[in-house]
């Protein structure tokens, strides 16, 4: 029996763990202790911090694992790269993982390789006079911690009056002694899921984003297909492939964030793992295969076919779909939750509650504050989106807390 080491036991790793179990793999899950839903599903649990690459490498060696992987989080990516290099496992390299996990390194590589991206500056936390460092950049700006994920540590800055709060937010969400400031590009925000295998980009699936407008735009849902202007499609692919090459990503899933302005694609950032917020599910439904299974098979050293399933006439069977997170508008405790949707409706793919009545939840500000999700599909994108909104109308979650 092959062994797979999965880093993380949270809500976005659960589908990966379940897929590994379906495949008959001996599934080892590593995470810090906590009430994480992935622990009961694993064959073996190792209570270690996934950023401690030496501890994780020791586990991988002792267990003689055949692969190491995660989903939906950047936190464990550096550890995966270092373990893959040390043990000769298939996956992104330590160098690529370091680049993918540090926004300054990533942006610097984009600049070096000619990837179209926002202008930026490195800002040490020790500096208080930003004016000189920011010379040449135009407001509005975005202050970003360089090593966080899930939209944490990111603040829009419209004037110098916002510097203090934005700096504090970055400082609270980083292990580094600096952050970056970059120009905020006005345009249409969208993303893409992709996979690179043996140096070849196997697929690129652009997706639209539903965005929560807090301090910055935080994705709360997605839909596919996302139709860019036909003339812009080659530019999307070119910029993504250049960014992948710049970051030296290989044998891994790709989660990409873009802005389209004046027909030009600007790369915000890439992650060397599958996206969160139901994005792996979006890929699975759209192409008709189990994306989690394919991610696992690549990590185990197999060469995987990423072509979509075909209909009776031999054409790719592509299924439009949409998803949305369930969120709370306040900190508090769940009093009740009700799903009045028809459980036999074939176009409602999944309705999931992450918490039960009596559990404490946060007002939504960043991705980890989700309290569930809804995924729907349809013969057309319009039908999938209509079904999504219909399903949401039939869900009621009551949270007791302050407005």
Protein backbone atom coordinates (compact mmCIF):
# COMPACT_ATOMS: atom_id res chain seq x y z
CA UNK A 1 0.00 0.00 0.00
CA UNK A 2 1.36 3.40 -0.98
CA UNK A 3 1.69 6.09 1.67
CA UNK A 4 0.77 9.74 1.21
CA UNK A 5 1.64 12.51 3.67
CA UNK A 6 -0.95 15.30 3.63
CA UNK A 7 -0.05 18.56 5.36
CA UNK A 8 -2.95 20.18 7.15
CA UNK A 9 -6.20 18.79 8.53
CA UNK A 10 -8.46 21.79 8.00
CA UNK A 11 -11.59 22.20 5.92
CA UNK A 12 -9.64 22.61 2.65
CA UNK A 13 -7.57 19.48 3.21
CA UNK A 14 -10.55 17.25 4.06
CA UNK A 15 -11.51 16.53 0.41
CA UNK A 16 -7.88 15.63 -0.33
CA UNK A 17 -7.80 13.25 2.64
CA UNK A 18 -11.08 11.66 1.55
CA UNK A 19 -9.79 11.23 -2.00
CA UNK A 20 -6.66 9.52 -0.68
CA UNK A 21 -8.80 7.13 1.33
CA UNK A 22 -10.98 6.34 -1.71
CA UNK A 23 -7.81 5.51 -3.62
CA UNK A 24 -6.78 3.01 -0.96
CA UNK A 25 -3.73 5.01 0.15
CA UNK A 26 -2.31 4.82 3.65
CA UNK A 27 -3.04 8.40 4.65
CA UNK A 28 -0.83 10.25 7.12
CA UNK A 29 -2.01 13.71 8.16
CA UNK A 30 0.32 16.20 9.83
CA UNK A 31 -0.94 19.32 11.61
CA UNK A 32 -0.73 21.20 14.86
CA UNK A 33 -3.18 19.92 17.50
CA UNK A 34 -6.69 21.31 17.31
CA UNK A 35 -10.29 20.51 16.52
CA UNK A 36 -9.58 19.89 12.85
CA UNK A 37 -12.04 17.82 10.77
CA UNK A 38 -9.31 15.94 8.89
CA UNK A 39 -7.92 14.10 11.92
CA UNK A 40 -10.69 11.46 12.24
CA UNK A 41 -10.34 10.58 8.54
CA UNK A 42 -6.61 9.77 8.58
CA UNK A 43 -4.95 6.39 9.06
CA UNK A 44 -2.30 8.13 11.15
CA UNK A 45 -2.07 11.60 12.67
CA UNK A 46 1.23 13.37 13.40
CA UNK A 47 0.86 16.44 15.60
CA UNK A 48 3.53 18.66 14.07
CA UNK A 49 3.55 22.19 12.72
CA UNK A 50 3.53 21.99 8.93
CA UNK A 51 6.01 24.89 8.69
CA UNK A 52 8.59 22.88 10.66
CA UNK A 53 10.22 21.26 7.64
CA UNK A 54 12.76 19.31 9.69
CA UNK A 55 10.03 17.67 11.78
CA UNK A 56 7.95 16.90 8.69
CA UNK A 57 11.00 15.55 6.85
CA UNK A 58 11.67 13.23 9.79
CA UNK A 59 8.11 11.91 9.60
CA UNK A 60 8.39 11.43 5.84
CA UNK A 61 11.63 9.49 6.23
CA UNK A 62 10.42 7.32 9.11
CA UNK A 63 7.16 6.49 7.33
CA UNK A 64 8.90 6.02 3.97
CA UNK A 65 6.14 7.99 2.23
CA UNK A 66 5.59 7.86 -1.51
CA UNK A 67 4.39 11.45 -1.78
CA UNK A 68 3.67 14.68 0.09
CA UNK A 69 0.99 17.22 -0.78
CA UNK A 70 -1.51 19.80 0.50
CA UNK A 71 -4.48 21.76 -0.83
CA UNK A 72 -5.95 25.20 -0.30
CA UNK A 73 -3.13 26.73 1.76
CA UNK A 74 0.27 28.32 1.16
CA UNK A 75 1.50 27.68 4.71
CA UNK A 76 2.87 24.20 4.04
CA UNK A 77 4.25 24.78 0.53
CA UNK A 78 7.85 25.49 1.59
CA UNK A 79 7.90 22.30 3.66
CA UNK A 80 6.63 20.29 0.68
CA UNK A 81 9.38 21.68 -1.53
CA UNK A 82 12.11 20.86 0.97
CA UNK A 83 10.83 17.33 1.57
CA UNK A 84 10.51 16.68 -2.17
CA UNK A 85 14.11 17.80 -2.72
CA UNK A 86 15.46 15.81 0.23
CA UNK A 87 13.68 12.55 -0.63
CA UNK A 88 13.48 12.83 -4.41
CA UNK A 89 9.68 12.94 -4.36
CA UNK A 90 7.62 14.43 -7.17
CA UNK A 91 6.43 17.95 -6.58
CA UNK A 92 7.59 21.53 -6.67
CA UNK A 93 11.22 22.17 -5.71
CA UNK A 94 12.37 23.92 -2.55
CA UNK A 95 13.48 26.90 -4.66
CA UNK A 96 10.08 27.17 -6.36
CA UNK A 97 8.31 26.75 -3.03
CA UNK A 98 10.32 29.59 -1.49
CA UNK A 99 9.42 31.88 -4.38
CA UNK A 100 5.74 30.90 -4.26
CA UNK A 101 5.59 31.54 -0.51
CA UNK A 102 7.13 35.02 -0.48
CA UNK A 103 5.40 37.81 -2.35
CA UNK A 104 8.58 39.91 -2.62
CA UNK A 105 10.53 37.02 -4.17
CA UNK A 106 7.61 36.31 -6.47
CA UNK A 107 7.22 39.91 -7.63
CA UNK A 108 10.97 40.27 -8.10
CA UNK A 109 10.97 37.23 -10.38
CA UNK A 110 8.05 38.66 -12.34
CA UNK A 111 9.97 41.88 -12.85
CA UNK A 112 13.08 39.96 -13.94
CA UNK A 113 11.19 37.72 -16.40
CA UNK A 114 8.98 40.42 -17.90
CA UNK A 115 5.69 39.26 -16.38
CA UNK A 116 3.13 42.06 -16.44
CA UNK A 117 2.41 42.97 -12.81
CA UNK A 118 1.81 45.94 -10.53
CA UNK A 119 4.77 48.14 -9.61
CA UNK A 120 5.93 47.49 -6.04
CA UNK A 121 8.41 48.38 -3.28
CA UNK A 122 9.91 46.52 -0.32
CA UNK A 123 9.19 48.31 2.97
CA UNK A 124 11.07 47.38 6.20
CA UNK A 125 8.84 47.50 9.27
CA UNK A 126 11.60 49.43 11.03
CA UNK A 127 11.12 52.35 8.64
CA UNK A 128 8.53 54.97 9.50
CA UNK A 129 9.15 57.41 6.66
CA UNK A 130 7.55 55.76 3.64
CA UNK A 131 7.42 58.75 1.34
CA UNK A 132 10.90 58.25 -0.13
CA UNK A 133 10.50 54.47 -0.48
CA UNK A 134 7.16 54.86 -2.24
CA UNK A 135 8.38 57.51 -4.67
CA UNK A 136 7.17 56.71 -8.18
CA UNK A 137 4.13 54.69 -7.08
CA UNK A 138 0.63 56.10 -7.44
CA UNK A 139 -2.28 55.83 -4.99
CA UNK A 140 -4.26 53.77 -4.26
CA UNK A 141 -1.75 51.22 -2.97
CA UNK A 142 -1.97 47.78 -1.38
CA UNK A 143 0.15 46.95 1.67
CA UNK A 144 0.80 43.20 1.85
CA UNK A 145 2.52 40.88 4.26
CA UNK A 146 4.80 38.73 2.12
CA UNK A 147 4.20 35.31 3.69
CA UNK A 148 0.50 35.09 4.53
CA UNK A 149 -2.46 33.57 2.70
CA UNK A 150 -6.24 33.68 2.81
CA UNK A 151 -6.22 37.48 2.21
CA UNK A 152 -4.67 38.09 5.64
CA UNK A 153 -2.28 41.00 6.10
CA UNK A 154 -3.57 42.89 3.05
CA UNK A 155 -4.95 46.45 3.21
CA UNK A 156 -5.87 49.03 0.60
CA UNK A 157 -4.17 52.38 1.17
CA UNK A 158 -5.79 55.46 -0.38
CA UNK A 159 -3.58 58.09 1.26
CA UNK A 160 -0.74 58.48 3.80
CA UNK A 161 -3.42 58.67 6.51
CA UNK A 162 -3.94 54.92 6.02
CA UNK A 163 -0.27 53.95 6.46
CA UNK A 164 -0.36 53.24 10.19
CA UNK A 165 -3.33 50.87 10.17
CA UNK A 166 -2.17 49.10 7.00
CA UNK A 167 1.34 48.61 8.40
CA UNK A 168 -0.15 47.19 11.61
CA UNK A 169 -2.30 44.72 9.68
CA UNK A 170 0.71 43.49 7.71
CA UNK A 171 2.80 43.22 10.89
CA UNK A 172 0.11 41.17 12.64
CA UNK A 173 0.09 38.63 9.81
CA UNK A 174 3.74 37.95 9.04
CA UNK A 175 6.92 36.30 10.26
CA UNK A 176 9.09 38.70 8.21
CA UNK A 177 10.61 42.05 9.10
CA UNK A 178 9.31 43.75 5.95
CA UNK A 179 6.24 43.96 3.74
CA UNK A 180 5.55 45.15 0.21
CA UNK A 181 3.56 48.06 -1.13
CA UNK A 182 2.23 47.79 -4.66
CA UNK A 183 -0.02 49.85 -6.86
CA UNK A 184 -3.68 48.92 -6.80
CA UNK A 185 -4.69 48.14 -10.37
CA UNK A 186 -8.27 49.06 -11.22
CA UNK A 187 -9.85 46.48 -13.49
CA UNK A 188 -11.75 43.20 -13.65
CA UNK A 189 -10.52 40.70 -11.10
CA UNK A 190 -10.50 37.03 -12.05
CA UNK A 191 -8.44 33.94 -11.45
CA UNK A 192 -7.39 30.64 -12.94
CA UNK A 193 -6.66 27.11 -11.86
CA UNK A 194 -3.94 25.26 -13.74
CA UNK A 195 -1.59 22.33 -13.43
CA UNK A 196 2.01 22.01 -14.59
CA UNK A 197 3.43 18.50 -15.06
CA UNK A 198 6.94 17.69 -16.28
CA UNK A 199 7.32 21.28 -17.44
CA UNK A 200 4.07 21.33 -19.44
CA UNK A 201 1.00 23.36 -18.51
CA UNK A 202 -1.72 20.70 -18.71
CA UNK A 203 -4.74 22.98 -18.51
CA UNK A 204 -5.70 26.54 -17.68
CA UNK A 205 -9.23 27.15 -16.41
CA UNK A 206 -10.03 30.87 -15.95
CA UNK A 207 -12.77 31.49 -13.41
CA UNK A 208 -14.81 34.46 -12.32
CA UNK A 209 -14.68 35.59 -8.71
CA UNK A 210 -17.40 36.73 -6.35
CA UNK A 211 -15.61 39.20 -4.08
CA UNK A 212 -16.36 40.48 -0.58
CA UNK A 213 -15.39 44.14 -0.40
CA UNK A 214 -13.81 44.66 3.01
CA UNK A 215 -10.41 46.27 3.45
CA UNK A 216 -9.52 44.62 0.13
CA UNK A 217 -11.29 42.23 -2.19
CA UNK A 218 -11.62 38.77 -0.60
CA UNK A 219 -12.96 35.93 -2.78
CA UNK A 220 -16.17 34.40 -1.41
CA UNK A 221 -17.09 32.35 -4.46
CA UNK A 222 -16.24 31.46 -8.03
CA UNK A 223 -17.77 30.37 -11.30
CA UNK A 224 -16.67 28.77 -14.55
CA UNK A 225 -16.42 29.24 -17.39
CA UNK A 226 -15.15 32.81 -17.24
CA UNK A 227 -15.33 34.32 -20.69
CA UNK A 228 -12.62 36.87 -21.36
CA UNK A 229 -12.63 38.75 -24.64
CA UNK A 230 -11.49 36.20 -27.23
CA UNK A 231 -8.69 38.55 -28.21
CA UNK A 232 -7.43 38.59 -24.60
CA UNK A 233 -7.24 34.80 -24.13
CA UNK A 234 -3.73 34.40 -25.63
CA UNK A 235 -2.44 37.14 -23.31
CA UNK A 236 -3.88 35.37 -20.25
CA UNK A 237 -2.07 32.17 -21.23
CA UNK A 238 1.17 33.98 -22.09
CA UNK A 239 1.32 35.86 -18.79
CA UNK A 240 0.48 32.74 -16.78
CA UNK A 241 3.09 30.61 -18.54
CA UNK A 242 5.72 33.33 -18.10
CA UNK A 243 4.88 33.58 -14.39
CA UNK A 244 5.09 29.79 -13.96
CA UNK A 245 8.49 29.75 -15.67
CA UNK A 246 9.70 32.72 -13.60
CA UNK A 247 8.76 30.93 -10.39
CA UNK A 248 10.16 27.55 -11.57
CA UNK A 249 6.92 25.79 -10.66
CA UNK A 250 6.58 22.17 -11.81
CA UNK A 251 4.56 19.08 -10.93
CA UNK A 252 2.05 21.02 -8.88
CA UNK A 253 -1.33 22.67 -9.00
CA UNK A 254 -1.44 26.41 -9.70
CA UNK A 255 -3.77 28.97 -8.13
CA UNK A 256 -3.53 32.26 -10.04
CA UNK A 257 -4.99 35.72 -9.39
CA UNK A 258 -5.25 38.28 -12.21
CA UNK A 259 -6.57 41.73 -13.06
CA UNK A 260 -7.70 42.55 -16.59
CA UNK A 261 -7.29 46.22 -17.51
CA UNK A 262 -7.62 47.69 -20.98
CA UNK A 263 -7.40 44.23 -22.52
CA UNK A 264 -4.13 43.41 -20.73
CA UNK A 265 -3.60 40.72 -18.11
CA UNK A 266 -1.79 41.72 -14.92
CA UNK A 267 -0.56 38.88 -12.70
CA UNK A 268 -1.22 39.56 -9.02
CA UNK A 269 0.24 36.33 -7.65
CA UNK A 270 0.48 32.56 -8.11
CA UNK A 271 0.34 29.80 -5.51
CA UNK A 272 1.97 26.42 -5.99
CA UNK A 273 -1.11 24.51 -4.83
CA UNK A 274 -4.80 24.15 -5.67
CA UNK A 275 -7.06 27.03 -4.76
CA UNK A 276 -9.35 27.23 -1.76
CA UNK A 277 -12.96 28.45 -1.75
CA UNK A 278 -14.26 25.41 -3.71
CA UNK A 279 -11.80 25.92 -6.58
CA UNK A 280 -10.62 22.30 -6.74
CA UNK A 281 -14.29 21.31 -6.88
CA UNK A 282 -14.82 23.84 -9.67
CA UNK A 283 -12.11 22.07 -11.73
CA UNK A 284 -13.54 18.62 -10.98
CA UNK A 285 -17.07 19.55 -12.00
CA UNK A 286 -16.07 21.52 -15.09
CA UNK A 287 -13.80 18.84 -16.59
CA UNK A 288 -15.60 15.79 -15.21
CA UNK A 289 -12.72 14.22 -13.32
CA UNK A 290 -11.67 14.02 -9.67
CA UNK A 291 -9.09 16.80 -9.42
CA UNK A 292 -8.03 15.80 -5.91
CA UNK A 293 -7.25 12.30 -7.15
CA UNK A 294 -5.13 13.64 -10.00
CA UNK A 295 -3.22 15.93 -7.61
CA UNK A 296 -2.49 12.90 -5.43
CA UNK A 297 -1.41 10.72 -8.35
CA UNK A 298 1.10 13.30 -9.55
CA UNK A 299 2.52 13.56 -6.01
CA UNK A 300 2.90 9.75 -6.03
CA UNK A 301 5.03 9.92 -9.17
CA UNK A 302 2.46 8.99 -11.80
CA UNK A 303 2.08 10.77 -15.14
CA UNK A 304 -1.53 11.92 -15.21
CA UNK A 305 -3.97 12.64 -18.06
CA UNK A 306 -5.76 15.94 -17.40
CA UNK A 307 -8.04 15.85 -20.44
CA UNK A 308 -11.74 16.45 -19.82
CA UNK A 309 -14.20 13.58 -20.02
CA UNK A 310 -15.95 13.29 -23.40
CA UNK A 311 -19.58 12.97 -24.43
CA UNK A 312 -20.95 10.33 -26.80
CA UNK A 313 -19.81 12.32 -29.82
CA UNK A 314 -16.23 12.52 -28.55
CA UNK A 315 -16.32 16.20 -27.62
CA UNK A 316 -15.15 17.42 -24.20
CA UNK A 317 -17.98 17.43 -21.69
CA UNK A 318 -17.60 20.76 -19.85
CA UNK A 319 -20.02 21.52 -17.02
CA UNK A 320 -20.59 25.14 -15.90
CA UNK A 321 -20.68 25.54 -12.14
CA UNK A 322 -20.71 28.16 -9.39
CA UNK A 323 -20.00 28.29 -5.68
CA UNK A 324 -20.36 30.65 -2.74
CA UNK A 325 -19.14 30.63 0.84
CA UNK A 326 -21.61 30.85 3.69
CA UNK A 327 -20.57 33.67 6.03
CA UNK A 328 -21.68 35.60 9.08
CA UNK A 329 -21.91 39.38 9.33
CA UNK A 330 -21.06 39.30 13.04
CA UNK A 331 -18.94 37.57 15.65
CA UNK A 332 -21.11 35.28 17.70
CA UNK A 333 -22.51 31.81 18.29
CA UNK A 334 -24.60 29.82 15.83
CA UNK A 335 -28.12 29.44 17.22
CA UNK A 336 -29.56 27.39 14.36
CA UNK A 337 -29.02 26.50 10.72
CA UNK A 338 -31.51 25.17 8.22
CA UNK A 339 -31.23 23.87 4.67
CA UNK A 340 -34.63 23.88 2.95
CA UNK A 341 -33.29 22.83 -0.48
CA UNK A 342 -34.51 19.68 -2.19
CA UNK A 343 -31.83 17.03 -1.44
CA UNK A 344 -32.64 15.26 -4.71
CA UNK A 345 -31.94 18.31 -6.88
CA UNK A 346 -29.20 17.09 -9.27
CA UNK A 347 -27.88 20.61 -9.89
CA UNK A 348 -27.11 21.28 -6.22
CA UNK A 349 -23.71 19.59 -5.96
CA UNK A 350 -23.03 20.26 -2.29
CA UNK A 351 -24.25 22.27 0.68
CA UNK A 352 -21.86 22.11 3.59
CA UNK A 353 -22.01 23.61 7.08
CA UNK A 354 -18.58 23.85 8.71
CA UNK A 355 -19.99 24.48 12.19
CA UNK A 356 -22.88 23.27 14.33
CA UNK A 357 -25.28 25.17 16.60
CA UNK A 358 -23.40 26.29 19.69
CA UNK A 359 -20.13 26.90 17.82
CA UNK A 360 -18.50 30.32 17.80
CA UNK A 361 -17.91 32.03 14.46
CA UNK A 362 -16.32 35.23 13.19
CA UNK A 363 -17.73 38.07 11.14
CA UNK A 364 -16.36 37.47 7.66
CA UNK A 365 -13.21 39.43 6.82
CA UNK A 366 -10.82 36.81 5.40
CA UNK A 367 -11.17 33.37 3.82
CA UNK A 368 -10.78 31.27 7.01
CA UNK A 369 -13.85 33.02 8.48
CA UNK A 370 -16.14 30.95 6.23
CA UNK A 371 -18.88 28.92 7.92
CA UNK A 372 -19.82 26.71 4.98
CA UNK A 373 -20.35 26.65 1.22
CA UNK A 374 -22.78 25.94 -1.59
CA UNK A 375 -21.82 24.48 -4.99
CA UNK A 376 -24.18 24.22 -7.96
CA UNK A 377 -23.99 23.28 -11.65
CA UNK A 378 -26.11 23.66 -14.77
CA UNK A 379 -26.29 23.15 -18.52
CA UNK A 380 -25.26 26.79 -18.87
CA UNK A 381 -23.41 29.19 -16.62
CA UNK A 382 -26.59 31.26 -16.28
CA UNK A 383 -28.46 28.17 -15.05
CA UNK A 384 -25.69 27.29 -12.58
CA UNK A 385 -25.63 30.83 -11.16
CA UNK A 386 -29.43 30.98 -10.93
CA UNK A 387 -29.42 27.66 -9.06
CA UNK A 388 -26.73 29.01 -6.71
CA UNK A 389 -28.83 32.02 -5.74
CA UNK A 390 -31.92 29.85 -5.39
CA UNK A 391 -30.05 27.47 -3.09
CA UNK A 392 -28.72 30.34 -0.97
CA UNK A 393 -32.24 31.70 -0.50
CA UNK A 394 -33.25 28.37 1.04
CA UNK A 395 -30.49 28.36 3.66
CA UNK A 396 -31.01 30.07 7.01
CA UNK A 397 -28.23 30.45 9.58
CA UNK A 398 -28.93 32.41 12.77
CA UNK A 399 -25.96 33.82 14.68
CA UNK A 400 -26.34 35.49 18.07
CA UNK A 401 -23.89 38.33 18.55
CA UNK A 402 -23.33 42.04 18.22
CA UNK A 403 -24.11 43.74 14.91
